[in-house]
Amino acid sequence: MSREGEYRQLADDMFRRAANEESAQLEAQWKILGAKYVAIAEQSPEADERNTLYDPVQSELLKPD
């Protein structure tokens, strides 16, 4: 999966958590975090073009146990 796809997957997970959250405050926080991941996903193609050395998303951490 591409870096952009990984960030979009993380965003989808945050929005899913928000939808299942009972607390309005926590729901809002999950949505904010999801929106930040979407913004990072939109920036990731530019980072790929610049050969970025540091990537906070490590694919091996995203794999289910």
PDB file of N, CA and C in Angstrom:
ATOM      1  N   MET A   1       0.840  -1.172   0.000  1.00  0.00           N
ATOM      2  CA  MET A   1       0.000   0.000   0.000  1.00  0.00           C
ATOM      3  C   MET A   1       0.891   1.243   0.000  1.00  0.00           C
ATOM      4  N   SER A   2       0.482   2.249  -0.690  1.00  0.00           N
ATOM      5  CA  SER A   2       1.254   3.485  -0.757  1.00  0.00           C
ATOM      6  C   SER A   2       1.154   4.245   0.567  1.00  0.00           C
ATOM      7  N   ARG A   3       2.050   5.170   0.740  1.00  0.00           N
ATOM      8  CA  ARG A   3       2.031   6.006   1.944  1.00  0.00           C
ATOM      9  C   ARG A   3       0.701   6.760   2.032  1.00  0.00           C
ATOM     10  N   GLU A   4       0.246   7.296   0.914  1.00  0.00           N
ATOM     11  CA  GLU A   4      -1.030   8.011   0.912  1.00  0.00           C
ATOM     12  C   GLU A   4      -2.167   7.076   1.324  1.00  0.00           C
ATOM     13  N   GLY A   5      -2.149   5.871   0.803  1.00  0.00           N
ATOM     14  CA  GLY A   5      -3.181   4.901   1.145  1.00  0.00           C
ATOM     15  C   GLY A   5      -3.160   4.529   2.616  1.00  0.00           C
ATOM     16  N   GLU A   6      -1.962   4.432   3.193  1.00  0.00           N
ATOM     17  CA  GLU A   6      -1.850   4.112   4.616  1.00  0.00           C
ATOM     18  C   GLU A   6      -2.439   5.226   5.471  1.00  0.00           C
ATOM     19  N   TYR A   7      -2.162   6.479   5.109  1.00  0.00           N
ATOM     20  CA  TYR A   7      -2.728   7.593   5.858  1.00  0.00           C
ATOM     21  C   TYR A   7      -4.251   7.644   5.694  1.00  0.00           C
ATOM     22  N   ARG A   8      -4.729   7.365   4.504  1.00  0.00           N
ATOM     23  CA  ARG A   8      -6.185   7.363   4.302  1.00  0.00           C
ATOM     24  C   ARG A   8      -6.846   6.235   5.100  1.00  0.00           C
ATOM     25  N   GLN A   9      -6.162   5.102   5.211  1.00  0.00           N
ATOM     26  CA  GLN A   9      -6.684   4.002   6.017  1.00  0.00           C
ATOM     27  C   GLN A   9      -6.753   4.414   7.490  1.00  0.00           C
ATOM     28  N   LEU A  10      -5.706   5.085   7.958  1.00  0.00           N
ATOM     29  CA  LEU A  10      -5.719   5.578   9.328  1.00  0.00           C
ATOM     30  C   LEU A  10      -6.864   6.573   9.539  1.00  0.00           C
ATOM     31  N   ALA A  11      -7.076   7.452   8.570  1.00  0.00           N
ATOM     32  CA  ALA A  11      -8.176   8.418   8.673  1.00  0.00           C
ATOM     33  C   ALA A  11      -9.515   7.694   8.735  1.00  0.00           C
ATOM     34  N   ASP A  12      -9.713   6.701   7.890  1.00  0.00           N
ATOM     35  CA  ASP A  12     -10.957   5.930   7.917  1.00  0.00           C
ATOM     36  C   ASP A  12     -11.170   5.262   9.267  1.00  0.00           C
ATOM     37  N   ASP A  13     -10.089   4.741   9.857  1.00  0.00           N
ATOM     38  CA  ASP A  13     -10.188   4.117  11.179  1.00  0.00           C
ATOM     39  C   ASP A  13     -10.628   5.138  12.228  1.00  0.00           C
ATOM     40  N   MET A  14     -10.083   6.350  12.158  1.00  0.00           N
ATOM     41  CA  MET A  14     -10.455   7.385  13.125  1.00  0.00           C
ATOM     42  C   MET A  14     -11.917   7.785  12.964  1.00  0.00           C
ATOM     43  N   PHE A  15     -12.373   7.909  11.715  1.00  0.00           N
ATOM     44  CA  PHE A  15     -13.774   8.268  11.481  1.00  0.00           C
ATOM     45  C   PHE A  15     -14.709   7.141  11.934  1.00  0.00           C
ATOM     46  N   ARG A  16     -14.275   5.903  11.771  1.00  0.00           N
ATOM     47  CA  ARG A  16     -15.059   4.762  12.235  1.00  0.00           C
ATOM     48  C   ARG A  16     -15.169   4.779  13.760  1.00  0.00           C
ATOM     49  N   ARG A  17     -14.063   5.071  14.423  1.00  0.00           N
ATOM     50  CA  ARG A  17     -14.084   5.161  15.887  1.00  0.00           C
ATOM     51  C   ARG A  17     -15.006   6.289  16.333  1.00  0.00           C
ATOM     52  N   ALA A  18     -14.967   7.392  15.615  1.00  0.00           N
ATOM     53  CA  ALA A  18     -15.833   8.530  15.960  1.00  0.00           C
ATOM     54  C   ALA A  18     -17.304   8.143  15.852  1.00  0.00           C
ATOM     55  N   ALA A  19     -17.631   7.384  14.827  1.00  0.00           N
ATOM     56  CA  ALA A  19     -19.023   6.987  14.616  1.00  0.00           C
ATOM     57  C   ALA A  19     -19.526   6.070  15.734  1.00  0.00           C
ATOM     58  N   ASN A  20     -18.613   5.329  16.363  1.00  0.00           N
ATOM     59  CA  ASN A  20     -18.999   4.398  17.418  1.00  0.00           C
ATOM     60  C   ASN A  20     -18.834   4.969  18.820  1.00  0.00           C
ATOM     61  N   GLU A  21     -18.371   6.188  18.923  1.00  0.00           N
ATOM     62  CA  GLU A  21     -18.088   6.790  20.224  1.00  0.00           C
ATOM     63  C   GLU A  21     -19.353   7.351  20.866  1.00  0.00           C
ATOM     64  N   GLU A  22     -19.524   7.090  22.148  1.00  0.00           N
ATOM     65  CA  GLU A  22     -20.691   7.592  22.876  1.00  0.00           C
ATOM     66  C   GLU A  22     -20.476   9.011  23.377  1.00  0.00           C
ATOM     67  N   SER A  23     -19.260   9.342  23.741  1.00  0.00           N
ATOM     68  CA  SER A  23     -18.943  10.673  24.257  1.00  0.00           C
ATOM     69  C   SER A  23     -18.807  11.662  23.093  1.00  0.00           C
ATOM     70  N   ALA A  24     -19.550  12.757  23.174  1.00  0.00           N
ATOM     71  CA  ALA A  24     -19.496  13.767  22.109  1.00  0.00           C
ATOM     72  C   ALA A  24     -18.109  14.390  22.013  1.00  0.00           C
ATOM     73  N   GLN A  25     -17.460  14.573  23.154  1.00  0.00           N
ATOM     74  CA  GLN A  25     -16.126  15.170  23.150  1.00  0.00           C
ATOM     75  C   GLN A  25     -15.111  14.240  22.494  1.00  0.00           C
ATOM     76  N   LEU A  26     -15.158  12.963  22.832  1.00  0.00           N
ATOM     77  CA  LEU A  26     -14.233  12.014  22.208  1.00  0.00           C
ATOM     78  C   LEU A  26     -14.547  11.835  20.726  1.00  0.00           C
ATOM     79  N   GLU A  27     -15.813  11.854  20.370  1.00  0.00           N
ATOM     80  CA  GLU A  27     -16.195  11.762  18.957  1.00  0.00           C
ATOM     81  C   GLU A  27     -15.563  12.902  18.165  1.00  0.00           C
ATOM     82  N   ALA A  28     -15.646  14.112  18.723  1.00  0.00           N
ATOM     83  CA  ALA A  28     -15.063  15.274  18.046  1.00  0.00           C
ATOM     84  C   ALA A  28     -13.547  15.121  17.906  1.00  0.00           C
ATOM     85  N   GLN A  29     -12.893  14.590  18.937  1.00  0.00           N
ATOM     86  CA  GLN A  29     -11.445  14.410  18.885  1.00  0.00           C
ATOM     87  C   GLN A  29     -11.056  13.376  17.830  1.00  0.00           C
ATOM     88  N   TRP A  30     -11.805  12.288  17.734  1.00  0.00           N
ATOM     89  CA  TRP A  30     -11.533  11.282  16.698  1.00  0.00           C
ATOM     90  C   TRP A  30     -11.688  11.891  15.313  1.00  0.00           C
ATOM     91  N   LYS A  31     -12.721  12.720  15.131  1.00  0.00           N
ATOM     92  CA  LYS A  31     -12.943  13.356  13.825  1.00  0.00           C
ATOM     93  C   LYS A  31     -11.820  14.320  13.481  1.00  0.00           C
ATOM     94  N   ILE A  32     -11.342  15.059  14.467  1.00  0.00           N
ATOM     95  CA  ILE A  32     -10.228  15.984  14.238  1.00  0.00           C
ATOM     96  C   ILE A  32      -8.982  15.205  13.822  1.00  0.00           C
ATOM     97  N   LEU A  33      -8.711  14.123  14.539  1.00  0.00           N
ATOM     98  CA  LEU A  33      -7.552  13.299  14.198  1.00  0.00           C
ATOM     99  C   LEU A  33      -7.688  12.712  12.789  1.00  0.00           C
ATOM    100  N   GLY A  34      -8.887  12.246  12.441  1.00  0.00           N
ATOM    101  CA  GLY A  34      -9.134  11.728  11.093  1.00  0.00           C
ATOM    102  C   GLY A  34      -8.885  12.785  10.028  1.00  0.00           C
ATOM    103  N   ALA A  35      -9.343  14.008  10.300  1.00  0.00           N
ATOM    104  CA  ALA A  35      -9.138  15.100   9.337  1.00  0.00           C
ATOM    105  C   ALA A  35      -7.658  15.413   9.167  1.00  0.00           C
ATOM    106  N   LYS A  36      -6.888  15.306  10.242  1.00  0.00           N
ATOM    107  CA  LYS A  36      -5.437  15.545  10.150  1.00  0.00           C
ATOM    108  C   LYS A  36      -4.767  14.477   9.289  1.00  0.00           C
ATOM    109  N   TYR A  37      -5.207  13.222   9.451  1.00  0.00           N
ATOM    110  CA  TYR A  37      -4.647  12.148   8.618  1.00  0.00           C
ATOM    111  C   TYR A  37      -5.002  12.361   7.140  1.00  0.00           C
ATOM    112  N   VAL A  38      -6.202  12.864   6.865  1.00  0.00           N
ATOM    113  CA  VAL A  38      -6.570  13.161   5.471  1.00  0.00           C
ATOM    114  C   VAL A  38      -5.646  14.239   4.914  1.00  0.00           C
ATOM    115  N   ALA A  39      -5.384  15.268   5.710  1.00  0.00           N
ATOM    116  CA  ALA A  39      -4.488  16.343   5.257  1.00  0.00           C
ATOM    117  C   ALA A  39      -3.082  15.814   4.985  1.00  0.00           C
ATOM    118  N   ILE A  40      -2.600  14.934   5.859  1.00  0.00           N
ATOM    119  CA  ILE A  40      -1.269  14.354   5.646  1.00  0.00           C
ATOM    120  C   ILE A  40      -1.265  13.481   4.391  1.00  0.00           C
ATOM    121  N   ALA A  41      -2.356  12.745   4.175  1.00  0.00           N
ATOM    122  CA  ALA A  41      -2.455  11.902   2.975  1.00  0.00           C
ATOM    123  C   ALA A  41      -2.368  12.748   1.709  1.00  0.00           C
ATOM    124  N   GLU A  42      -2.996  13.911   1.745  1.00  0.00           N
ATOM    125  CA  GLU A  42      -2.960  14.793   0.577  1.00  0.00           C
ATOM    126  C   GLU A  42      -1.567  15.351   0.324  1.00  0.00           C
ATOM    127  N   GLN A  43      -0.760  15.454   1.370  1.00  0.00           N
ATOM    128  CA  GLN A  43       0.605  15.966   1.233  1.00  0.00           C
ATOM    129  C   GLN A  43       1.612  14.877   0.883  1.00  0.00           C
ATOM    130  N   SER A  44       1.260  13.629   1.076  1.00  0.00           N
ATOM    131  CA  SER A  44       2.230  12.547   0.924  1.00  0.00           C
ATOM    132  C   SER A  44       2.800  12.399  -0.492  1.00  0.00           C
ATOM    133  N   PRO A  45       2.058  12.654  -1.572  1.00  0.00           N
ATOM    134  CA  PRO A  45       2.701  12.561  -2.892  1.00  0.00           C
ATOM    135  C   PRO A  45       3.861  13.549  -3.045  1.00  0.00           C
ATOM    136  N   GLU A  46       3.730  14.732  -2.445  1.00  0.00           N
ATOM    137  CA  GLU A  46       4.821  15.707  -2.504  1.00  0.00           C
ATOM    138  C   GLU A  46       6.044  15.190  -1.747  1.00  0.00           C
ATOM    139  N   ALA A  47       5.811  14.536  -0.618  1.00  0.00           N
ATOM    140  CA  ALA A  47       6.917  13.988   0.166  1.00  0.00           C
ATOM    141  C   ALA A  47       7.623  12.880  -0.615  1.00  0.00           C
ATOM    142  N   ASP A  48       6.856  12.075  -1.348  1.00  0.00           N
ATOM    143  CA  ASP A  48       7.455  11.021  -2.170  1.00  0.00           C
ATOM    144  C   ASP A  48       8.363  11.612  -3.245  1.00  0.00           C
ATOM    145  N   GLU A  49       7.944  12.742  -3.821  1.00  0.00           N
ATOM    146  CA  GLU A  49       8.731  13.370  -4.869  1.00  0.00           C
ATOM    147  C   GLU A  49      10.056  13.908  -4.328  1.00  0.00           C
ATOM    148  N   ARG A  50      10.068  14.268  -3.040  1.00  0.00           N
ATOM    149  CA  ARG A  50      11.270  14.839  -2.444  1.00  0.00           C
ATOM    150  C   ARG A  50      12.166  13.793  -1.795  1.00  0.00           C
ATOM    151  N   ASN A  51      11.818  12.522  -1.912  1.00  0.00           N
ATOM    152  CA  ASN A  51      12.603  11.447  -1.292  1.00  0.00           C
ATOM    153  C   ASN A  51      12.770  11.665   0.205  1.00  0.00           C
ATOM    154  N   THR A  52      11.683  11.834   0.875  1.00  0.00           N
ATOM    155  CA  THR A  52      11.695  12.048   2.314  1.00  0.00           C
ATOM    156  C   THR A  52      12.316  10.843   3.018  1.00  0.00           C
ATOM    157  N   LEU A  53      13.213  11.101   3.951  1.00  0.00           N
ATOM    158  CA  LEU A  53      13.886  10.015   4.647  1.00  0.00           C
ATOM    159  C   LEU A  53      13.096   9.502   5.846  1.00  0.00           C
ATOM    160  N   TYR A  54      12.346  10.373   6.506  1.00  0.00           N
ATOM    161  CA  TYR A  54      11.611   9.987   7.702  1.00  0.00           C
ATOM    162  C   TYR A  54      10.143   9.808   7.363  1.00  0.00           C
ATOM    163  N   ASP A  55       9.597   8.672   7.740  1.00  0.00           N
ATOM    164  CA  ASP A  55       8.179   8.417   7.535  1.00  0.00           C
ATOM    165  C   ASP A  55       7.589   7.915   8.845  1.00  0.00           C
ATOM    166  N   PRO A  56       6.725   8.700   9.487  1.00  0.00           N
ATOM    167  CA  PRO A  56       6.178   8.287  10.769  1.00  0.00           C
ATOM    168  C   PRO A  56       5.258   7.070  10.687  1.00  0.00           C
ATOM    169  N   VAL A  57       4.725   6.798   9.511  1.00  0.00           N
ATOM    170  CA  VAL A  57       3.881   5.614   9.351  1.00  0.00           C
ATOM    171  C   VAL A  57       4.777   4.458   8.927  1.00  0.00           C
ATOM    172  N   GLN A  58       4.869   3.474   9.779  1.00  0.00           N
ATOM    173  CA  GLN A  58       5.684   2.307   9.473  1.00  0.00           C
ATOM    174  C   GLN A  58       4.760   1.166   9.145  1.00  0.00           C
ATOM    175  N   SER A  59       4.841   0.678   7.935  1.00  0.00           N
ATOM    176  CA  SER A  59       3.915  -0.334   7.444  1.00  0.00           C
ATOM    177  C   SER A  59       3.813  -1.551   8.352  1.00  0.00           C
ATOM    178  N   GLU A  60       4.924  -1.970   8.949  1.00  0.00           N
ATOM    179  CA  GLU A  60       4.866  -3.167   9.788  1.00  0.00           C
ATOM    180  C   GLU A  60       4.014  -2.936  11.036  1.00  0.00           C
ATOM    181  N   LEU A  61       3.852  -1.688  11.468  1.00  0.00           N
ATOM    182  CA  LEU A  61       3.018  -1.398  12.627  1.00  0.00           C
ATOM    183  C   LEU A  61       1.533  -1.422  12.280  1.00  0.00           C
ATOM    184  N   LEU A  62       1.208  -1.283  11.007  1.00  0.00           N
ATOM    185  CA  LEU A  62      -0.182  -1.255  10.588  1.00  0.00           C
ATOM    186  C   LEU A  62      -0.761  -2.631  10.341  1.00  0.00           C
ATOM    187  N   LYS A  63       0.095  -3.638  10.274  1.00  0.00           N
ATOM    188  CA  LYS A  63      -0.371  -4.998   9.987  1.00  0.00           C
ATOM    189  C   LYS A  63      -1.075  -5.577  11.213  1.00  0.00           C
ATOM    190  N   PRO A  64      -2.221  -6.243  10.991  1.00  0.00           N
ATOM    191  CA  PRO A  64      -2.922  -6.844  12.125  1.00  0.00           C
ATOM    192  C   PRO A  64      -2.092  -7.971  12.737  1.00  0.00           C
ATOM    193  N   ASP A  65      -2.256  -8.181  14.028  1.00  0.00           N
ATOM    194  CA  ASP A  65      -1.508  -9.228  14.729  1.00  0.00           C
ATOM    195  C   ASP A  65      -1.979 -10.611  14.374  1.00  0.00           C
TER     196      ASP A  65
END
